[in-house]
Amino acid sequence: MALTAQVAPMLILFCYCKYAGLQVTDDQLQKAAVQSGILNIDEDFLTLEFREECERIIDTDLLKPADCKEAFLFLKRNFSL
């Protein structure tokens, strides 16, 4: 699954809730996404250059939610535009 404008905010919310110890269901995430209007945004919030470099470093198709924290920290330490 590519990290699109529709997926990224939900993934961020999911990771935050999981590591904060909050229980959030897929249905609750979907309702939050619908109410926020994020699913109606067509444009990508990352520049093409930034996205390509991130995807060159970390294969987002293989990235699991449990590994997002480490992937973010890795990118933060090793990548800048």
N, C-alpha and C. Protein backbone atom coordinates (compact mmCIF):
# COMPACT_ATOMS: atom_id res chain seq x y z
N MET A 1 0.86 -1.17 0.00
CA MET A 1 0.00 0.00 0.00
C MET A 1 0.90 1.24 0.00
N ALA A 2 0.72 2.11 -0.93
CA ALA A 2 1.51 3.34 -1.00
C ALA A 2 1.04 4.30 0.08
N LEU A 3 1.97 5.11 0.53
CA LEU A 3 1.67 6.11 1.56
C LEU A 3 1.07 7.33 0.87
N THR A 4 -0.23 7.34 0.69
CA THR A 4 -0.92 8.41 -0.01
C THR A 4 -1.49 9.41 0.98
N ALA A 5 -2.03 10.48 0.46
CA ALA A 5 -2.66 11.49 1.32
C ALA A 5 -3.82 10.89 2.10
N GLN A 6 -4.44 9.83 1.56
CA GLN A 6 -5.54 9.20 2.27
C GLN A 6 -5.05 8.27 3.37
N VAL A 7 -3.96 7.58 3.13
CA VAL A 7 -3.48 6.57 4.06
C VAL A 7 -2.62 7.16 5.17
N ALA A 8 -1.75 8.10 4.85
CA ALA A 8 -0.78 8.61 5.83
C ALA A 8 -1.41 9.16 7.10
N PRO A 9 -2.41 10.03 7.03
CA PRO A 9 -2.99 10.54 8.28
C PRO A 9 -3.61 9.45 9.15
N MET A 10 -4.22 8.47 8.52
CA MET A 10 -4.81 7.37 9.29
C MET A 10 -3.72 6.52 9.92
N LEU A 11 -2.61 6.32 9.20
CA LEU A 11 -1.50 5.56 9.74
C LEU A 11 -0.87 6.29 10.92
N ILE A 12 -0.72 7.59 10.80
CA ILE A 12 -0.17 8.39 11.89
C ILE A 12 -1.07 8.30 13.11
N LEU A 13 -2.37 8.45 12.92
CA LEU A 13 -3.31 8.36 14.03
C LEU A 13 -3.28 6.97 14.65
N PHE A 14 -3.25 5.94 13.81
CA PHE A 14 -3.20 4.57 14.32
C PHE A 14 -1.96 4.35 15.17
N CYS A 15 -0.79 4.77 14.67
CA CYS A 15 0.46 4.57 15.41
C CYS A 15 0.45 5.35 16.71
N TYR A 16 -0.04 6.58 16.67
CA TYR A 16 -0.12 7.39 17.89
C TYR A 16 -1.00 6.70 18.93
N CYS A 17 -2.16 6.28 18.52
CA CYS A 17 -3.11 5.65 19.45
C CYS A 17 -2.55 4.34 20.01
N LYS A 18 -1.90 3.56 19.15
CA LYS A 18 -1.35 2.29 19.59
C LYS A 18 -0.28 2.51 20.65
N TYR A 19 0.64 3.44 20.40
CA TYR A 19 1.74 3.65 21.33
C TYR A 19 1.31 4.46 22.55
N ALA A 20 0.19 5.13 22.48
CA ALA A 20 -0.34 5.85 23.64
C ALA A 20 -1.20 4.92 24.50
N GLY A 21 -1.39 3.69 24.02
CA GLY A 21 -2.16 2.71 24.77
C GLY A 21 -3.66 2.84 24.59
N LEU A 22 -4.09 3.58 23.58
CA LEU A 22 -5.52 3.75 23.32
C LEU A 22 -6.00 2.64 22.39
N GLN A 23 -7.19 2.18 22.62
CA GLN A 23 -7.79 1.15 21.76
C GLN A 23 -8.65 1.85 20.70
N VAL A 24 -8.28 1.69 19.45
CA VAL A 24 -9.01 2.33 18.35
C VAL A 24 -9.33 1.25 17.32
N THR A 25 -10.59 1.17 16.94
CA THR A 25 -11.00 0.17 15.95
C THR A 25 -10.87 0.74 14.54
N ASP A 26 -10.88 -0.14 13.56
CA ASP A 26 -10.84 0.29 12.16
C ASP A 26 -12.05 1.17 11.85
N ASP A 27 -13.20 0.81 12.42
CA ASP A 27 -14.43 1.58 12.20
C ASP A 27 -14.28 3.01 12.75
N GLN A 28 -13.66 3.15 13.91
CA GLN A 28 -13.45 4.48 14.48
C GLN A 28 -12.49 5.29 13.62
N LEU A 29 -11.44 4.65 13.12
CA LEU A 29 -10.51 5.35 12.22
C LEU A 29 -11.21 5.79 10.94
N GLN A 30 -12.04 4.91 10.39
CA GLN A 30 -12.77 5.26 9.17
C GLN A 30 -13.71 6.43 9.42
N LYS A 31 -14.42 6.42 10.54
CA LYS A 31 -15.33 7.52 10.86
C LYS A 31 -14.56 8.83 11.03
N ALA A 32 -13.40 8.76 11.68
CA ALA A 32 -12.57 9.96 11.86
C ALA A 32 -12.09 10.49 10.51
N ALA A 33 -11.71 9.58 9.63
CA ALA A 33 -11.25 9.98 8.30
C ALA A 33 -12.37 10.64 7.51
N VAL A 34 -13.57 10.08 7.58
CA VAL A 34 -14.72 10.65 6.86
C VAL A 34 -15.05 12.03 7.42
N GLN A 35 -15.12 12.15 8.75
CA GLN A 35 -15.47 13.43 9.37
C GLN A 35 -14.42 14.49 9.12
N SER A 36 -13.14 14.10 9.04
CA SER A 36 -12.07 15.09 8.83
C SER A 36 -12.04 15.59 7.40
N GLY A 37 -12.60 14.81 6.46
CA GLY A 37 -12.57 15.19 5.05
C GLY A 37 -11.29 14.78 4.35
N ILE A 38 -10.39 14.08 5.04
CA ILE A 38 -9.10 13.71 4.46
C ILE A 38 -9.25 12.80 3.25
N LEU A 39 -10.32 12.03 3.20
CA LEU A 39 -10.50 11.11 2.07
C LEU A 39 -10.89 11.85 0.79
N ASN A 40 -11.24 13.11 0.90
CA ASN A 40 -11.64 13.90 -0.27
C ASN A 40 -10.49 14.69 -0.87
N ILE A 41 -9.31 14.59 -0.30
CA ILE A 41 -8.15 15.34 -0.79
C ILE A 41 -7.49 14.54 -1.90
N ASP A 42 -7.35 15.14 -3.07
CA ASP A 42 -6.77 14.44 -4.21
C ASP A 42 -5.26 14.57 -4.27
N GLU A 43 -4.71 15.66 -3.77
CA GLU A 43 -3.29 15.88 -3.97
C GLU A 43 -2.44 15.23 -2.89
N ASP A 44 -1.25 14.86 -3.29
CA ASP A 44 -0.29 14.26 -2.39
C ASP A 44 0.35 15.39 -1.57
N PHE A 45 0.55 15.18 -0.28
CA PHE A 45 1.11 16.23 0.54
C PHE A 45 2.63 16.17 0.59
N LEU A 46 3.24 15.19 -0.07
CA LEU A 46 4.69 15.11 -0.17
C LEU A 46 5.12 15.53 -1.56
N THR A 47 6.28 16.19 -1.65
CA THR A 47 6.82 16.49 -2.97
C THR A 47 7.27 15.19 -3.62
N LEU A 48 7.28 15.16 -4.92
CA LEU A 48 7.69 13.97 -5.64
C LEU A 48 9.11 13.57 -5.26
N GLU A 49 10.01 14.54 -5.17
CA GLU A 49 11.41 14.28 -4.83
C GLU A 49 11.52 13.63 -3.44
N PHE A 50 10.79 14.18 -2.47
CA PHE A 50 10.82 13.66 -1.11
C PHE A 50 10.27 12.24 -1.06
N ARG A 51 9.13 12.02 -1.71
CA ARG A 51 8.50 10.69 -1.74
C ARG A 51 9.44 9.66 -2.37
N GLU A 52 10.02 9.99 -3.51
CA GLU A 52 10.90 9.04 -4.20
C GLU A 52 12.10 8.67 -3.34
N GLU A 53 12.67 9.65 -2.65
CA GLU A 53 13.83 9.37 -1.80
C GLU A 53 13.44 8.50 -0.61
N CYS A 54 12.32 8.78 0.03
CA CYS A 54 11.85 7.97 1.15
C CYS A 54 11.58 6.54 0.69
N GLU A 55 10.94 6.39 -0.45
CA GLU A 55 10.61 5.06 -0.95
C GLU A 55 11.84 4.32 -1.45
N ARG A 56 12.88 5.07 -1.84
CA ARG A 56 14.15 4.42 -2.22
C ARG A 56 14.81 3.83 -0.98
N ILE A 57 14.70 4.54 0.15
CA ILE A 57 15.34 4.11 1.39
C ILE A 57 14.54 3.01 2.09
N ILE A 58 13.22 3.17 2.15
CA ILE A 58 12.35 2.22 2.85
C ILE A 58 11.22 1.80 1.92
N ASP A 59 11.09 0.50 1.71
CA ASP A 59 10.02 -0.02 0.86
C ASP A 59 8.71 0.02 1.63
N THR A 60 7.86 1.01 1.33
CA THR A 60 6.62 1.18 2.08
C THR A 60 5.62 0.05 1.84
N ASP A 61 5.79 -0.71 0.76
CA ASP A 61 4.91 -1.86 0.53
C ASP A 61 5.18 -2.97 1.54
N LEU A 62 6.38 -3.00 2.10
CA LEU A 62 6.75 -4.04 3.06
C LEU A 62 6.71 -3.55 4.50
N LEU A 63 6.50 -2.26 4.69
CA LEU A 63 6.52 -1.67 6.03
C LEU A 63 5.26 -2.05 6.81
N LYS A 64 5.47 -2.56 8.01
CA LYS A 64 4.36 -2.95 8.88
C LYS A 64 4.11 -1.85 9.91
N PRO A 65 2.87 -1.67 10.36
CA PRO A 65 2.58 -0.62 11.35
C PRO A 65 3.48 -0.68 12.58
N ALA A 66 3.82 -1.88 13.02
CA ALA A 66 4.67 -2.02 14.21
C ALA A 66 6.08 -1.47 13.98
N ASP A 67 6.48 -1.33 12.71
CA ASP A 67 7.82 -0.86 12.38
C ASP A 67 7.87 0.62 12.01
N CYS A 68 6.73 1.30 12.03
CA CYS A 68 6.67 2.70 11.59
C CYS A 68 7.53 3.62 12.44
N LYS A 69 7.53 3.41 13.73
CA LYS A 69 8.34 4.26 14.62
C LYS A 69 9.81 4.18 14.24
N GLU A 70 10.33 2.97 14.09
CA GLU A 70 11.74 2.81 13.75
C GLU A 70 12.04 3.34 12.35
N ALA A 71 11.12 3.14 11.42
CA ALA A 71 11.32 3.66 10.06
C ALA A 71 11.37 5.18 10.07
N PHE A 72 10.49 5.82 10.84
CA PHE A 72 10.49 7.28 10.94
C PHE A 72 11.80 7.77 11.55
N LEU A 73 12.23 7.14 12.64
CA LEU A 73 13.47 7.55 13.29
C LEU A 73 14.67 7.34 12.38
N PHE A 74 14.67 6.25 11.61
CA PHE A 74 15.74 6.00 10.66
C PHE A 74 15.79 7.10 9.59
N LEU A 75 14.63 7.43 9.02
CA LEU A 75 14.58 8.49 8.02
C LEU A 75 15.02 9.82 8.61
N LYS A 76 14.60 10.10 9.82
CA LYS A 76 14.95 11.38 10.46
C LYS A 76 16.47 11.49 10.66
N ARG A 77 17.11 10.38 11.02
CA ARG A 77 18.56 10.39 11.24
C ARG A 77 19.35 10.41 9.96
N ASN A 78 18.85 9.80 8.90
CA ASN A 78 19.68 9.52 7.71
C ASN A 78 19.25 10.23 6.43
N PHE A 79 18.27 11.09 6.50
CA PHE A 79 17.76 11.66 5.26
C PHE A 79 17.39 13.13 5.45
N SER A 80 17.82 13.93 4.50
CA SER A 80 17.38 15.33 4.48
C SER A 80 17.37 15.81 3.04
N LEU A 81 16.49 16.73 2.75
CA LEU A 81 16.41 17.31 1.41
C LEU A 81 16.91 18.72 1.44
